[in-house]
Amino acid sequence: METKRTANCLVIRLDPGEELINSLLTACQEHDIHCAQITGIGAAKKITCGVFDPKTREYHSEKFKGIFEITSLNGTITTMDGGLYPHIHVTFADEKYKVRGGHLNKCVISATAEIVLMILDLEIDRQASQEVGLNLFRF
């Protein structure tokens, strides 16, 4: 992983074999980032993502292995219970151009990933919502 920072932006390049979420958390810790907006693209060989069922309040996850283009990576970094809280969604296409997506749980890079964090000069924490069943922004 390599990074380059300005006052309100961190650009991250991930290399083959790196796990995206762990690398992102490491970069945020190294640069003392607690709140940011995430965008990115790249290539992956293993992706675990899921969808939330609001009726059952459960995530349903699926693991994918193969050749994937990350066509869109979007999300936020906030905090919860004193730690960093990444909330990232992904859209990715396989070698036959079949597109899938959902809440990103894990992503191992195959070639590279280019991620941009817009650093927000805010403190946004999260709190579990009993009504919704998710950890929501707490302002």
N, C-alpha and C. Protein backbone atom coordinates (compact mmCIF):
# COMPACT_ATOMS: atom_id res chain seq x y z
N MET A 1 0.85 -1.17 0.00
CA MET A 1 0.00 0.00 0.00
C MET A 1 0.89 1.23 0.00
N GLU A 2 0.50 2.19 -0.81
CA GLU A 2 1.14 3.50 -0.78
C GLU A 2 0.05 4.55 -0.66
N THR A 3 0.40 5.66 -0.01
CA THR A 3 -0.57 6.74 0.19
C THR A 3 0.07 8.08 -0.11
N LYS A 4 -0.78 9.03 -0.45
CA LYS A 4 -0.36 10.42 -0.61
C LYS A 4 -1.49 11.28 -0.07
N ARG A 5 -1.12 12.29 0.74
CA ARG A 5 -2.14 13.07 1.43
C ARG A 5 -2.00 14.56 1.17
N THR A 6 -3.16 15.22 1.09
CA THR A 6 -3.25 16.67 1.16
C THR A 6 -4.02 16.97 2.44
N ALA A 7 -4.37 18.22 2.65
CA ALA A 7 -5.09 18.59 3.88
C ALA A 7 -6.40 17.84 4.03
N ASN A 8 -7.14 17.66 2.94
CA ASN A 8 -8.46 17.04 3.07
C ASN A 8 -8.66 15.84 2.15
N CYS A 9 -7.57 15.21 1.70
CA CYS A 9 -7.70 14.09 0.78
C CYS A 9 -6.56 13.09 1.02
N LEU A 10 -6.90 11.82 1.02
CA LEU A 10 -5.90 10.76 1.08
C LEU A 10 -6.12 9.85 -0.12
N VAL A 11 -5.08 9.69 -0.93
CA VAL A 11 -5.13 8.80 -2.08
C VAL A 11 -4.35 7.54 -1.71
N ILE A 12 -4.95 6.38 -1.98
CA ILE A 12 -4.38 5.10 -1.58
C ILE A 12 -4.26 4.20 -2.81
N ARG A 13 -3.10 3.57 -2.95
CA ARG A 13 -2.94 2.53 -3.96
C ARG A 13 -2.69 1.21 -3.24
N LEU A 14 -3.51 0.23 -3.54
CA LEU A 14 -3.32 -1.11 -2.98
C LEU A 14 -2.67 -2.00 -4.02
N ASP A 15 -1.90 -2.98 -3.55
CA ASP A 15 -1.17 -3.89 -4.41
C ASP A 15 -1.74 -5.30 -4.32
N PRO A 16 -1.33 -6.19 -5.24
CA PRO A 16 -1.84 -7.55 -5.24
C PRO A 16 -1.68 -8.24 -3.88
N GLY A 17 -2.75 -8.93 -3.47
CA GLY A 17 -2.75 -9.69 -2.22
C GLY A 17 -3.21 -8.91 -1.01
N GLU A 18 -3.29 -7.59 -1.11
CA GLU A 18 -3.72 -6.79 0.05
C GLU A 18 -5.23 -6.88 0.22
N GLU A 19 -5.65 -6.90 1.47
CA GLU A 19 -7.08 -6.91 1.78
C GLU A 19 -7.53 -5.46 1.94
N LEU A 20 -8.55 -5.08 1.21
CA LEU A 20 -8.97 -3.68 1.09
C LEU A 20 -9.38 -3.05 2.42
N ILE A 21 -10.27 -3.67 3.15
CA ILE A 21 -10.78 -3.04 4.37
C ILE A 21 -9.69 -2.90 5.42
N ASN A 22 -8.90 -3.95 5.63
CA ASN A 22 -7.80 -3.86 6.60
C ASN A 22 -6.80 -2.78 6.21
N SER A 23 -6.48 -2.71 4.91
CA SER A 23 -5.55 -1.69 4.43
C SER A 23 -6.11 -0.29 4.63
N LEU A 24 -7.38 -0.13 4.36
CA LEU A 24 -8.04 1.16 4.53
C LEU A 24 -8.00 1.60 6.00
N LEU A 25 -8.27 0.69 6.91
CA LEU A 25 -8.22 1.01 8.34
C LEU A 25 -6.80 1.36 8.77
N THR A 26 -5.82 0.64 8.26
CA THR A 26 -4.41 0.95 8.57
C THR A 26 -4.06 2.35 8.09
N ALA A 27 -4.45 2.69 6.87
CA ALA A 27 -4.17 4.02 6.33
C ALA A 27 -4.84 5.11 7.16
N CYS A 28 -6.07 4.88 7.57
CA CYS A 28 -6.77 5.87 8.40
C CYS A 28 -6.08 6.05 9.74
N GLN A 29 -5.63 4.97 10.34
CA GLN A 29 -4.92 5.07 11.62
C GLN A 29 -3.60 5.80 11.46
N GLU A 30 -2.86 5.48 10.41
CA GLU A 30 -1.56 6.13 10.17
C GLU A 30 -1.70 7.63 9.91
N HIS A 31 -2.82 8.04 9.31
CA HIS A 31 -3.02 9.46 8.97
C HIS A 31 -4.01 10.14 9.91
N ASP A 32 -4.39 9.49 10.99
CA ASP A 32 -5.29 10.05 12.01
C ASP A 32 -6.60 10.55 11.40
N ILE A 33 -7.21 9.70 10.58
CA ILE A 33 -8.49 10.04 9.93
C ILE A 33 -9.61 9.31 10.66
N HIS A 34 -10.63 10.08 11.04
CA HIS A 34 -11.76 9.52 11.80
C HIS A 34 -13.09 9.65 11.06
N CYS A 35 -13.09 10.45 10.00
CA CYS A 35 -14.33 10.66 9.24
C CYS A 35 -13.95 10.97 7.80
N ALA A 36 -14.50 10.17 6.87
CA ALA A 36 -14.16 10.37 5.46
C ALA A 36 -15.21 9.74 4.56
N GLN A 37 -15.24 10.24 3.33
CA GLN A 37 -16.03 9.64 2.27
C GLN A 37 -15.08 8.84 1.39
N ILE A 38 -15.50 7.65 0.96
CA ILE A 38 -14.65 6.73 0.20
C ILE A 38 -15.18 6.58 -1.22
N THR A 39 -14.27 6.63 -2.20
CA THR A 39 -14.58 6.22 -3.57
C THR A 39 -13.40 5.41 -4.09
N GLY A 40 -13.67 4.52 -5.04
CA GLY A 40 -12.56 3.76 -5.57
C GLY A 40 -12.94 2.82 -6.70
N ILE A 41 -11.89 2.29 -7.33
CA ILE A 41 -12.00 1.29 -8.39
C ILE A 41 -10.83 0.32 -8.22
N GLY A 42 -10.84 -0.77 -8.98
CA GLY A 42 -9.71 -1.68 -8.90
C GLY A 42 -10.01 -3.04 -9.47
N ALA A 43 -9.18 -4.00 -9.08
CA ALA A 43 -9.33 -5.38 -9.52
C ALA A 43 -9.14 -6.30 -8.32
N ALA A 44 -10.00 -7.33 -8.22
CA ALA A 44 -9.97 -8.22 -7.06
C ALA A 44 -10.05 -9.67 -7.48
N LYS A 45 -9.60 -10.55 -6.57
CA LYS A 45 -9.69 -11.98 -6.82
C LYS A 45 -10.61 -12.70 -5.83
N LYS A 46 -10.88 -12.06 -4.70
CA LYS A 46 -11.81 -12.61 -3.70
C LYS A 46 -12.63 -11.45 -3.15
N ILE A 47 -13.94 -11.62 -3.14
CA ILE A 47 -14.83 -10.59 -2.60
C ILE A 47 -15.91 -11.28 -1.79
N THR A 48 -16.17 -10.77 -0.62
CA THR A 48 -17.32 -11.19 0.17
C THR A 48 -18.20 -9.97 0.36
N CYS A 49 -19.45 -10.08 -0.07
CA CYS A 49 -20.38 -8.96 0.13
C CYS A 49 -21.75 -9.52 0.46
N GLY A 50 -22.62 -8.63 0.90
CA GLY A 50 -23.94 -9.08 1.31
C GLY A 50 -24.98 -8.01 1.19
N VAL A 51 -26.19 -8.41 1.52
CA VAL A 51 -27.32 -7.49 1.55
C VAL A 51 -28.02 -7.66 2.89
N PHE A 52 -28.63 -6.57 3.34
CA PHE A 52 -29.34 -6.54 4.62
C PHE A 52 -30.82 -6.75 4.35
N ASP A 53 -31.41 -7.68 5.08
CA ASP A 53 -32.85 -7.93 5.01
C ASP A 53 -33.51 -7.19 6.17
N PRO A 54 -34.23 -6.09 5.90
CA PRO A 54 -34.81 -5.32 7.00
C PRO A 54 -35.90 -6.07 7.78
N LYS A 55 -36.52 -7.07 7.16
CA LYS A 55 -37.55 -7.83 7.87
C LYS A 55 -36.94 -8.72 8.95
N THR A 56 -35.87 -9.42 8.60
CA THR A 56 -35.24 -10.33 9.56
C THR A 56 -34.10 -9.67 10.32
N ARG A 57 -33.68 -8.48 9.82
CA ARG A 57 -32.55 -7.74 10.40
C ARG A 57 -31.26 -8.56 10.36
N GLU A 58 -31.08 -9.26 9.25
CA GLU A 58 -29.89 -10.09 9.07
C GLU A 58 -29.22 -9.75 7.75
N TYR A 59 -27.89 -9.90 7.73
CA TYR A 59 -27.13 -9.80 6.50
C TYR A 59 -27.02 -11.18 5.89
N HIS A 60 -27.15 -11.24 4.59
CA HIS A 60 -26.93 -12.47 3.85
C HIS A 60 -25.71 -12.24 2.98
N SER A 61 -24.62 -12.95 3.27
CA SER A 61 -23.36 -12.75 2.58
C SER A 61 -23.06 -13.89 1.62
N GLU A 62 -22.26 -13.56 0.60
CA GLU A 62 -21.80 -14.56 -0.34
C GLU A 62 -20.35 -14.27 -0.69
N LYS A 63 -19.57 -15.35 -0.86
CA LYS A 63 -18.16 -15.22 -1.24
C LYS A 63 -18.03 -15.48 -2.73
N PHE A 64 -17.17 -14.66 -3.37
CA PHE A 64 -16.91 -14.80 -4.80
C PHE A 64 -15.40 -14.93 -5.01
N LYS A 65 -14.99 -15.87 -5.86
CA LYS A 65 -13.58 -16.04 -6.24
C LYS A 65 -13.50 -16.01 -7.75
N GLY A 66 -12.51 -15.30 -8.27
CA GLY A 66 -12.36 -15.24 -9.72
C GLY A 66 -11.64 -13.98 -10.14
N ILE A 67 -11.95 -13.54 -11.36
CA ILE A 67 -11.38 -12.33 -11.92
C ILE A 67 -12.47 -11.26 -11.89
N PHE A 68 -12.22 -10.19 -11.12
CA PHE A 68 -13.25 -9.15 -10.95
C PHE A 68 -12.68 -7.76 -11.16
N GLU A 69 -13.45 -6.92 -11.81
CA GLU A 69 -13.20 -5.49 -11.86
C GLU A 69 -14.09 -4.83 -10.83
N ILE A 70 -13.50 -4.07 -9.95
CA ILE A 70 -14.30 -3.27 -9.01
C ILE A 70 -14.70 -2.02 -9.78
N THR A 71 -15.96 -1.95 -10.16
CA THR A 71 -16.43 -0.84 -10.98
C THR A 71 -16.85 0.36 -10.14
N SER A 72 -17.15 0.12 -8.88
CA SER A 72 -17.52 1.21 -8.00
C SER A 72 -17.35 0.79 -6.55
N LEU A 73 -16.71 1.66 -5.79
CA LEU A 73 -16.51 1.46 -4.36
C LEU A 73 -16.93 2.78 -3.71
N ASN A 74 -17.93 2.72 -2.85
CA ASN A 74 -18.44 3.93 -2.20
C ASN A 74 -18.72 3.66 -0.73
N GLY A 75 -18.50 4.66 0.11
CA GLY A 75 -18.83 4.47 1.51
C GLY A 75 -18.33 5.58 2.39
N THR A 76 -18.30 5.27 3.68
CA THR A 76 -17.88 6.24 4.68
C THR A 76 -17.00 5.56 5.73
N ILE A 77 -16.18 6.39 6.35
CA ILE A 77 -15.46 6.00 7.56
C ILE A 77 -16.00 6.91 8.66
N THR A 78 -16.48 6.30 9.72
CA THR A 78 -16.90 7.04 10.91
C THR A 78 -16.33 6.29 12.11
N THR A 79 -16.88 6.53 13.28
CA THR A 79 -16.44 5.81 14.47
C THR A 79 -17.63 5.18 15.17
N MET A 80 -17.32 4.17 15.97
CA MET A 80 -18.32 3.54 16.83
C MET A 80 -17.58 2.86 17.98
N ASP A 81 -18.03 3.11 19.18
CA ASP A 81 -17.45 2.50 20.38
C ASP A 81 -15.94 2.72 20.45
N GLY A 82 -15.49 3.91 20.04
CA GLY A 82 -14.09 4.27 20.16
C GLY A 82 -13.19 3.78 19.04
N GLY A 83 -13.74 3.06 18.06
CA GLY A 83 -12.92 2.56 16.96
C GLY A 83 -13.43 3.05 15.62
N LEU A 84 -12.65 2.82 14.59
CA LEU A 84 -13.06 3.19 13.24
C LEU A 84 -14.14 2.25 12.75
N TYR A 85 -15.07 2.80 11.96
CA TYR A 85 -16.20 2.04 11.45
C TYR A 85 -16.31 2.26 9.95
N PRO A 86 -15.80 1.34 9.14
CA PRO A 86 -15.95 1.47 7.69
C PRO A 86 -17.31 0.93 7.24
N HIS A 87 -18.00 1.69 6.42
CA HIS A 87 -19.27 1.24 5.83
C HIS A 87 -19.12 1.43 4.32
N ILE A 88 -18.90 0.32 3.61
CA ILE A 88 -18.53 0.37 2.21
C ILE A 88 -19.45 -0.52 1.38
N HIS A 89 -19.86 0.00 0.24
CA HIS A 89 -20.60 -0.79 -0.74
C HIS A 89 -19.74 -0.93 -1.99
N VAL A 90 -19.93 -2.05 -2.69
CA VAL A 90 -19.12 -2.36 -3.86
C VAL A 90 -20.00 -2.85 -5.01
N THR A 91 -19.59 -2.51 -6.20
CA THR A 91 -20.15 -3.09 -7.41
C THR A 91 -18.97 -3.66 -8.19
N PHE A 92 -19.10 -4.89 -8.66
CA PHE A 92 -17.99 -5.53 -9.37
C PHE A 92 -18.52 -6.40 -10.51
N ALA A 93 -17.69 -6.55 -11.54
CA ALA A 93 -18.05 -7.34 -12.72
C ALA A 93 -17.06 -8.48 -12.89
N ASP A 94 -17.57 -9.64 -13.31
CA ASP A 94 -16.69 -10.77 -13.57
C ASP A 94 -16.23 -10.76 -15.03
N GLU A 95 -15.49 -11.80 -15.43
CA GLU A 95 -14.92 -11.84 -16.78
C GLU A 95 -15.98 -11.96 -17.88
N LYS A 96 -17.20 -12.29 -17.51
CA LYS A 96 -18.30 -12.36 -18.48
C LYS A 96 -19.20 -11.11 -18.36
N TYR A 97 -18.71 -10.11 -17.65
CA TYR A 97 -19.38 -8.82 -17.48
C TYR A 97 -20.66 -8.89 -16.64
N LYS A 98 -20.82 -9.97 -15.88
CA LYS A 98 -21.94 -10.07 -14.95
C LYS A 98 -21.62 -9.19 -13.75
N VAL A 99 -22.53 -8.30 -13.43
CA VAL A 99 -22.30 -7.32 -12.36
C VAL A 99 -23.05 -7.75 -11.11
N ARG A 100 -22.36 -7.63 -9.98
CA ARG A 100 -22.93 -7.92 -8.68
C ARG A 100 -22.54 -6.80 -7.73
N GLY A 101 -23.13 -6.79 -6.56
CA GLY A 101 -22.73 -5.78 -5.60
C GLY A 101 -23.44 -5.95 -4.27
N GLY A 102 -23.03 -5.13 -3.32
CA GLY A 102 -23.63 -5.15 -2.01
C GLY A 102 -22.72 -4.51 -0.98
N HIS A 103 -23.01 -4.79 0.26
CA HIS A 103 -22.21 -4.30 1.39
C HIS A 103 -20.91 -5.10 1.41
N LEU A 104 -19.77 -4.41 1.37
CA LEU A 104 -18.48 -5.08 1.29
C LEU A 104 -18.03 -5.58 2.66
N ASN A 105 -17.74 -6.88 2.74
CA ASN A 105 -17.22 -7.49 3.96
C ASN A 105 -15.72 -7.77 3.87
N LYS A 106 -15.27 -8.16 2.67
CA LYS A 106 -13.86 -8.50 2.47
C LYS A 106 -13.56 -8.40 0.99
N CYS A 107 -12.32 -7.98 0.67
CA CYS A 107 -11.92 -7.85 -0.73
C CYS A 107 -10.42 -7.99 -0.83
N VAL A 108 -9.94 -9.04 -1.52
CA VAL A 108 -8.51 -9.24 -1.73
C VAL A 108 -8.18 -8.77 -3.15
N ILE A 109 -7.23 -7.88 -3.24
CA ILE A 109 -6.86 -7.25 -4.50
C ILE A 109 -6.05 -8.22 -5.37
N SER A 110 -6.33 -8.22 -6.68
CA SER A 110 -5.60 -9.07 -7.62
C SER A 110 -4.54 -8.29 -8.38
N ALA A 111 -4.81 -7.05 -8.73
CA ALA A 111 -3.85 -6.24 -9.49
C ALA A 111 -3.56 -4.93 -8.76
N THR A 112 -4.58 -4.12 -8.58
CA THR A 112 -4.44 -2.86 -7.86
C THR A 112 -5.81 -2.36 -7.46
N ALA A 113 -5.83 -1.40 -6.54
CA ALA A 113 -7.04 -0.65 -6.23
C ALA A 113 -6.61 0.80 -6.04
N GLU A 114 -7.43 1.70 -6.55
CA GLU A 114 -7.19 3.13 -6.42
C GLU A 114 -8.33 3.71 -5.61
N ILE A 115 -8.01 4.16 -4.42
CA ILE A 115 -9.03 4.63 -3.47
C ILE A 115 -8.73 6.07 -3.10
N VAL A 116 -9.79 6.88 -3.05
CA VAL A 116 -9.66 8.26 -2.63
C VAL A 116 -10.56 8.49 -1.43
N LEU A 117 -9.97 9.01 -0.36
CA LEU A 117 -10.74 9.38 0.82
C LEU A 117 -10.83 10.90 0.86
N MET A 118 -12.05 11.43 0.89
CA MET A 118 -12.24 12.84 1.15
C MET A 118 -12.38 12.97 2.66
N ILE A 119 -11.40 13.59 3.27
CA ILE A 119 -11.36 13.69 4.73
C ILE A 119 -12.32 14.78 5.16
N LEU A 120 -13.21 14.43 6.08
CA LEU A 120 -14.22 15.37 6.57
C LEU A 120 -13.82 15.86 7.95
N ASP A 121 -13.86 17.15 8.13
CA ASP A 121 -13.49 17.77 9.41
C ASP A 121 -14.69 17.70 10.35
N LEU A 122 -15.08 16.47 10.67
CA LEU A 122 -16.26 16.21 11.50
C LEU A 122 -15.95 15.03 12.42
N GLU A 123 -16.74 14.90 13.43
CA GLU A 123 -16.75 13.68 14.25
C GLU A 123 -18.16 13.11 14.11
N ILE A 124 -18.27 11.97 13.46
CA ILE A 124 -19.56 11.30 13.34
C ILE A 124 -19.41 9.91 13.93
N ASP A 125 -20.19 9.66 14.94
CA ASP A 125 -20.18 8.37 15.62
C ASP A 125 -21.38 7.57 15.12
N ARG A 126 -21.43 6.31 15.45
CA ARG A 126 -22.56 5.46 15.11
C ARG A 126 -23.16 4.86 16.37
N GLN A 127 -24.44 4.56 16.27
CA GLN A 127 -25.15 3.96 17.39
C GLN A 127 -26.11 2.93 16.84
N ALA A 128 -26.20 1.80 17.53
CA ALA A 128 -27.12 0.75 17.11
C ALA A 128 -28.55 1.24 17.22
N SER A 129 -29.33 1.05 16.16
CA SER A 129 -30.74 1.41 16.15
C SER A 129 -31.57 0.15 16.35
N GLN A 130 -32.32 0.10 17.43
CA GLN A 130 -33.19 -1.04 17.68
C GLN A 130 -34.34 -1.07 16.68
N GLU A 131 -34.77 0.10 16.24
CA GLU A 131 -35.88 0.20 15.29
C GLU A 131 -35.51 -0.34 13.90
N VAL A 132 -34.31 0.01 13.43
CA VAL A 132 -33.90 -0.36 12.08
C VAL A 132 -33.07 -1.64 12.06
N GLY A 133 -32.28 -1.86 13.11
CA GLY A 133 -31.42 -3.03 13.16
C GLY A 133 -30.05 -2.80 12.57
N LEU A 134 -29.67 -1.53 12.38
CA LEU A 134 -28.37 -1.17 11.82
C LEU A 134 -27.68 -0.15 12.73
N ASN A 135 -26.40 0.04 12.51
CA ASN A 135 -25.64 1.07 13.23
C ASN A 135 -25.71 2.37 12.43
N LEU A 136 -26.47 3.33 12.94
CA LEU A 136 -26.75 4.55 12.20
C LEU A 136 -25.88 5.71 12.67
N PHE A 137 -25.74 6.71 11.77
CA PHE A 137 -25.04 7.95 12.16
C PHE A 137 -25.67 8.51 13.42
N ARG A 138 -24.83 8.98 14.32
CA ARG A 138 -25.29 9.70 15.52
C ARG A 138 -24.61 11.05 15.49
N PHE A 139 -25.41 12.10 15.30
CA PHE A 139 -24.84 13.46 15.22
C PHE A 139 -24.85 14.15 16.56
